[in-house]
Amino acid sequence: MFSGEYSHAIDKKGRLIIPSRFREILTERYEEKFIMTKGLDTCLLLYPADEWNELEKKMKEVSTVTNPSARAFKRFMIAGAIECTVDKQGRIMIPSNLRVYAQITRDVVITGNLEKVEIWAKERWQEYWKASKPIEELAREIGEDVKL
């Protein structure tokens, strides 16, 4: 699974180097492609294709006929989703619409989050943690759901 925090810069063509450890995980456990989409908190999400397929199955089970929130959430996740592969230099291309959504201009933070990877504009990542509750408070709110 993906873990760790890495700082990189996006180039002028919108390409981003994927950390070598994440590339190793891809080649060892998954097909060498990601599905990239918009994430919550104004970041981007990268799912290995197998993990994305599992997420799609779960989303298909959610009824959207009478639930406008479910329809909106599905649209949010699926409409922005694109398939991307890692090139020979270890980079992926981030389309301009996703860069705009995530407010990415140059410096990014790439974080592992178990089954997926998150891509944040460096400034957004810093703002997120400044605005977040203290980690001790978050741990108390999670309570027994997570045993550390």
C-alpha atoms as a PDB file:
ATOM      1  CA  MET A   1       0.000   0.000   0.000  1.00  0.00           C
ATOM      2  CA  PHE A   2       1.014   3.608  -0.490  1.00  0.00           C
ATOM      3  CA  SER A   3       2.512   5.644   2.359  1.00  0.00           C
ATOM      4  CA  GLY A   4       4.832   8.595   2.743  1.00  0.00           C
ATOM      5  CA  GLU A   5       4.996  12.267   1.820  1.00  0.00           C
ATOM      6  CA  TYR A   6       7.075  13.606  -1.060  1.00  0.00           C
ATOM      7  CA  SER A   7       7.659  17.064  -2.524  1.00  0.00           C
ATOM      8  CA  HIS A   8       8.005  17.528  -6.277  1.00  0.00           C
ATOM      9  CA  ALA A   9       7.386  20.185  -8.891  1.00  0.00           C
ATOM     10  CA  ILE A  10       5.192  19.965 -11.937  1.00  0.00           C
ATOM     11  CA  ASP A  11       6.881  20.929 -15.205  1.00  0.00           C
ATOM     12  CA  LYS A  12       5.601  23.471 -17.747  1.00  0.00           C
ATOM     13  CA  LYS A  13       3.874  20.712 -19.740  1.00  0.00           C
ATOM     14  CA  GLY A  14       1.884  19.530 -16.715  1.00  0.00           C
ATOM     15  CA  ARG A  15       3.992  16.433 -15.999  1.00  0.00           C
ATOM     16  CA  LEU A  16       4.729  15.230 -12.498  1.00  0.00           C
ATOM     17  CA  ILE A  17       7.312  12.695 -11.369  1.00  0.00           C
ATOM     18  CA  ILE A  18       5.771   9.891  -9.344  1.00  0.00           C
ATOM     19  CA  PRO A  19       7.978   8.959  -6.359  1.00  0.00           C
ATOM     20  CA  SER A  20      10.068   5.876  -7.118  1.00  0.00           C
ATOM     21  CA  ARG A  21       8.623   3.974  -4.149  1.00  0.00           C
ATOM     22  CA  PHE A  22       5.108   4.428  -5.552  1.00  0.00           C
ATOM     23  CA  ARG A  23       6.290   3.299  -8.992  1.00  0.00           C
ATOM     24  CA  GLU A  24       7.777   0.172  -7.398  1.00  0.00           C
ATOM     25  CA  ILE A  25       4.447  -0.635  -5.741  1.00  0.00           C
ATOM     26  CA  LEU A  26       2.672  -0.179  -9.068  1.00  0.00           C
ATOM     27  CA  THR A  27       4.954  -2.562 -10.910  1.00  0.00           C
ATOM     28  CA  GLU A  28       4.949  -5.161  -8.111  1.00  0.00           C
ATOM     29  CA  ARG A  29       1.238  -5.236  -7.277  1.00  0.00           C
ATOM     30  CA  TYR A  30      -0.778  -3.572 -10.013  1.00  0.00           C
ATOM     31  CA  GLU A  31      -0.960  -2.841 -13.694  1.00  0.00           C
ATOM     32  CA  GLU A  32       1.194   0.165 -14.439  1.00  0.00           C
ATOM     33  CA  LYS A  33      -1.657   2.617 -14.794  1.00  0.00           C
ATOM     34  CA  PHE A  34      -3.609   4.929 -12.553  1.00  0.00           C
ATOM     35  CA  ILE A  35      -7.025   6.506 -12.661  1.00  0.00           C
ATOM     36  CA  MET A  36      -6.744  10.158 -11.679  1.00  0.00           C
ATOM     37  CA  THR A  37      -9.743  12.117 -10.453  1.00  0.00           C
ATOM     38  CA  LYS A  38     -10.786  15.037  -8.294  1.00  0.00           C
ATOM     39  CA  GLY A  39     -10.573  14.389  -4.586  1.00  0.00           C
ATOM     40  CA  LEU A  40     -12.195  15.932  -1.576  1.00  0.00           C
ATOM     41  CA  ASP A  41     -10.362  18.808   0.105  1.00  0.00           C
ATOM     42  CA  THR A  42      -9.231  20.180  -3.290  1.00  0.00           C
ATOM     43  CA  CYS A  43      -6.623  17.527  -4.018  1.00  0.00           C
ATOM     44  CA  LEU A  44      -6.273  14.953  -6.776  1.00  0.00           C
ATOM     45  CA  LEU A  45      -6.525  11.213  -6.258  1.00  0.00           C
ATOM     46  CA  LEU A  46      -4.593   8.512  -8.077  1.00  0.00           C
ATOM     47  CA  TYR A  47      -6.023   5.024  -7.850  1.00  0.00           C
ATOM     48  CA  PRO A  48      -4.303   1.951  -9.287  1.00  0.00           C
ATOM     49  CA  ALA A  49      -6.687   0.500 -11.872  1.00  0.00           C
ATOM     50  CA  ASP A  50      -7.590  -2.484  -9.637  1.00  0.00           C
ATOM     51  CA  GLU A  51      -8.466  -0.210  -6.710  1.00  0.00           C
ATOM     52  CA  TRP A  52     -10.482   2.078  -9.006  1.00  0.00           C
ATOM     53  CA  ASN A  53     -12.475  -0.904 -10.245  1.00  0.00           C
ATOM     54  CA  GLU A  54     -13.379  -1.747  -6.633  1.00  0.00           C
ATOM     55  CA  LEU A  55     -14.468   1.849  -6.018  1.00  0.00           C
ATOM     56  CA  GLU A  56     -16.598   1.778  -9.169  1.00  0.00           C
ATOM     57  CA  LYS A  57     -18.346  -1.374  -7.946  1.00  0.00           C
ATOM     58  CA  LYS A  58     -19.213   0.348  -4.668  1.00  0.00           C
ATOM     59  CA  MET A  59     -20.488   3.441  -6.470  1.00  0.00           C
ATOM     60  CA  LYS A  60     -22.701   1.320  -8.736  1.00  0.00           C
ATOM     61  CA  GLU A  61     -24.422  -0.066  -5.638  1.00  0.00           C
ATOM     62  CA  VAL A  62     -25.475   3.409  -4.491  1.00  0.00           C
ATOM     63  CA  SER A  63     -28.901   4.345  -5.836  1.00  0.00           C
ATOM     64  CA  THR A  64     -28.971   7.690  -7.584  1.00  0.00           C
ATOM     65  CA  VAL A  65     -32.583   7.544  -8.716  1.00  0.00           C
ATOM     66  CA  THR A  66     -33.990   9.449  -5.748  1.00  0.00           C
ATOM     67  CA  ASN A  67     -30.817  10.678  -4.047  1.00  0.00           C
ATOM     68  CA  PRO A  68     -29.479  13.949  -5.503  1.00  0.00           C
ATOM     69  CA  SER A  69     -26.413  13.859  -3.217  1.00  0.00           C
ATOM     70  CA  ALA A  70     -25.449  10.431  -4.550  1.00  0.00           C
ATOM     71  CA  ARG A  71     -25.881  11.661  -8.133  1.00  0.00           C
ATOM     72  CA  ALA A  72     -23.712  14.711  -7.451  1.00  0.00           C
ATOM     73  CA  PHE A  73     -20.991  12.684  -5.747  1.00  0.00           C
ATOM     74  CA  LYS A  74     -20.846  10.154  -8.591  1.00  0.00           C
ATOM     75  CA  ARG A  75     -20.640  12.962 -11.127  1.00  0.00           C
ATOM     76  CA  PHE A  76     -17.857  14.619  -9.163  1.00  0.00           C
ATOM     77  CA  MET A  77     -15.771  11.429  -8.993  1.00  0.00           C
ATOM     78  CA  ILE A  78     -16.465  10.003 -12.454  1.00  0.00           C
ATOM     79  CA  ALA A  79     -16.610  13.106 -14.659  1.00  0.00           C
ATOM     80  CA  GLY A  80     -13.086  14.149 -13.722  1.00  0.00           C
ATOM     81  CA  ALA A  81     -11.595  10.654 -13.957  1.00  0.00           C
ATOM     82  CA  ILE A  82      -8.955   9.894 -16.562  1.00  0.00           C
ATOM     83  CA  GLU A  83      -6.623   6.983 -17.130  1.00  0.00           C
ATOM     84  CA  CYS A  84      -2.941   7.800 -16.957  1.00  0.00           C
ATOM     85  CA  THR A  85       0.220   5.787 -17.270  1.00  0.00           C
ATOM     86  CA  VAL A  86       3.691   6.439 -15.974  1.00  0.00           C
ATOM     87  CA  ASP A  87       6.130   7.291 -18.775  1.00  0.00           C
ATOM     88  CA  LYS A  88       9.733   6.042 -19.027  1.00  0.00           C
ATOM     89  CA  GLN A  89      10.954   9.003 -16.963  1.00  0.00           C
ATOM     90  CA  GLY A  90       8.527   8.146 -14.141  1.00  0.00           C
ATOM     91  CA  ARG A  91       6.085  10.976 -14.886  1.00  0.00           C
ATOM     92  CA  ILE A  92       2.360  11.303 -15.327  1.00  0.00           C
ATOM     93  CA  MET A  93       0.516  14.058 -17.174  1.00  0.00           C
ATOM     94  CA  ILE A  94      -1.973  16.072 -15.142  1.00  0.00           C
ATOM     95  CA  PRO A  95      -4.596  17.608 -17.452  1.00  0.00           C
ATOM     96  CA  SER A  96      -5.154  21.343 -17.134  1.00  0.00           C
ATOM     97  CA  ASN A  97      -8.721  20.995 -15.821  1.00  0.00           C
ATOM     98  CA  LEU A  98      -7.487  18.877 -12.916  1.00  0.00           C
ATOM     99  CA  ARG A  99      -4.562  21.231 -12.240  1.00  0.00           C
ATOM    100  CA  VAL A 100      -7.033  24.128 -12.064  1.00  0.00           C
ATOM    101  CA  TYR A 101      -9.340  22.202  -9.723  1.00  0.00           C
ATOM    102  CA  ALA A 102      -6.476  21.323  -7.349  1.00  0.00           C
ATOM    103  CA  GLN A 103      -4.911  24.803  -7.655  1.00  0.00           C
ATOM    104  CA  ILE A 104      -1.634  23.249  -8.808  1.00  0.00           C
ATOM    105  CA  THR A 105       0.762  25.667 -10.460  1.00  0.00           C
ATOM    106  CA  ARG A 106       4.238  24.326  -9.627  1.00  0.00           C
ATOM    107  CA  ASP A 107       5.104  22.810  -6.237  1.00  0.00           C
ATOM    108  CA  VAL A 108       3.152  19.755  -5.128  1.00  0.00           C
ATOM    109  CA  VAL A 109       3.046  17.327  -2.236  1.00  0.00           C
ATOM    110  CA  ILE A 110       2.400  13.690  -3.090  1.00  0.00           C
ATOM    111  CA  THR A 111       1.138  11.537  -0.237  1.00  0.00           C
ATOM    112  CA  GLY A 112       0.377   7.881   0.085  1.00  0.00           C
ATOM    113  CA  ASN A 113      -3.008   7.058   1.558  1.00  0.00           C
ATOM    114  CA  LEU A 114      -3.107   3.250   1.669  1.00  0.00           C
ATOM    115  CA  GLU A 115      -4.891   2.181  -1.539  1.00  0.00           C
ATOM    116  CA  LYS A 116      -4.493   5.534  -3.306  1.00  0.00           C
ATOM    117  CA  VAL A 117      -2.136   8.455  -3.787  1.00  0.00           C
ATOM    118  CA  GLU A 118      -3.065  12.093  -3.168  1.00  0.00           C
ATOM    119  CA  ILE A 119      -1.600  15.044  -5.068  1.00  0.00           C
ATOM    120  CA  TRP A 120      -1.836  18.441  -3.404  1.00  0.00           C
ATOM    121  CA  ALA A 121      -0.729  21.925  -4.359  1.00  0.00           C
ATOM    122  CA  LYS A 122       1.943  22.600  -1.726  1.00  0.00           C
ATOM    123  CA  GLU A 123       0.136  25.718  -0.507  1.00  0.00           C
ATOM    124  CA  ARG A 124      -3.188  23.831  -0.187  1.00  0.00           C
ATOM    125  CA  TRP A 125      -1.473  21.025   1.768  1.00  0.00           C
ATOM    126  CA  GLN A 126      -0.033  23.565   4.214  1.00  0.00           C
ATOM    127  CA  GLU A 127      -3.379  25.388   4.521  1.00  0.00           C
ATOM    128  CA  TYR A 128      -5.184  22.092   5.106  1.00  0.00           C
ATOM    129  CA  TRP A 129      -2.977  21.212   8.079  1.00  0.00           C
ATOM    130  CA  LYS A 130      -3.059  24.743   9.511  1.00  0.00           C
ATOM    131  CA  ALA A 131      -6.884  24.656   9.473  1.00  0.00           C
ATOM    132  CA  SER A 132      -7.096  21.075  10.760  1.00  0.00           C
ATOM    133  CA  LYS A 133      -7.880  20.154  14.328  1.00  0.00           C
ATOM    134  CA  PRO A 134      -4.926  19.082  16.474  1.00  0.00           C
ATOM    135  CA  ILE A 135      -4.041  15.457  15.775  1.00  0.00           C
ATOM    136  CA  GLU A 136      -4.841  14.462  19.367  1.00  0.00           C
ATOM    137  CA  GLU A 137      -8.386  15.764  18.953  1.00  0.00           C
ATOM    138  CA  LEU A 138      -8.795  13.899  15.672  1.00  0.00           C
ATOM    139  CA  ALA A 139      -7.599  10.709  17.358  1.00  0.00           C
ATOM    140  CA  ARG A 140     -10.176  11.148  20.152  1.00  0.00           C
ATOM    141  CA  GLU A 141     -12.971  11.720  17.611  1.00  0.00           C
ATOM    142  CA  ILE A 142     -12.054   8.550  15.730  1.00  0.00           C
ATOM    143  CA  GLY A 143     -11.994   6.717  19.044  1.00  0.00           C
ATOM    144  CA  GLU A 144     -12.176   2.960  18.911  1.00  0.00           C
ATOM    145  CA  ASP A 145     -12.619   2.872  15.127  1.00  0.00           C
ATOM    146  CA  VAL A 146      -8.843   2.888  14.740  1.00  0.00           C
ATOM    147  CA  LYS A 147      -6.537   1.052  17.081  1.00  0.00           C
ATOM    148  CA  LEU A 148      -3.063   2.553  17.012  1.00  0.00           C
END
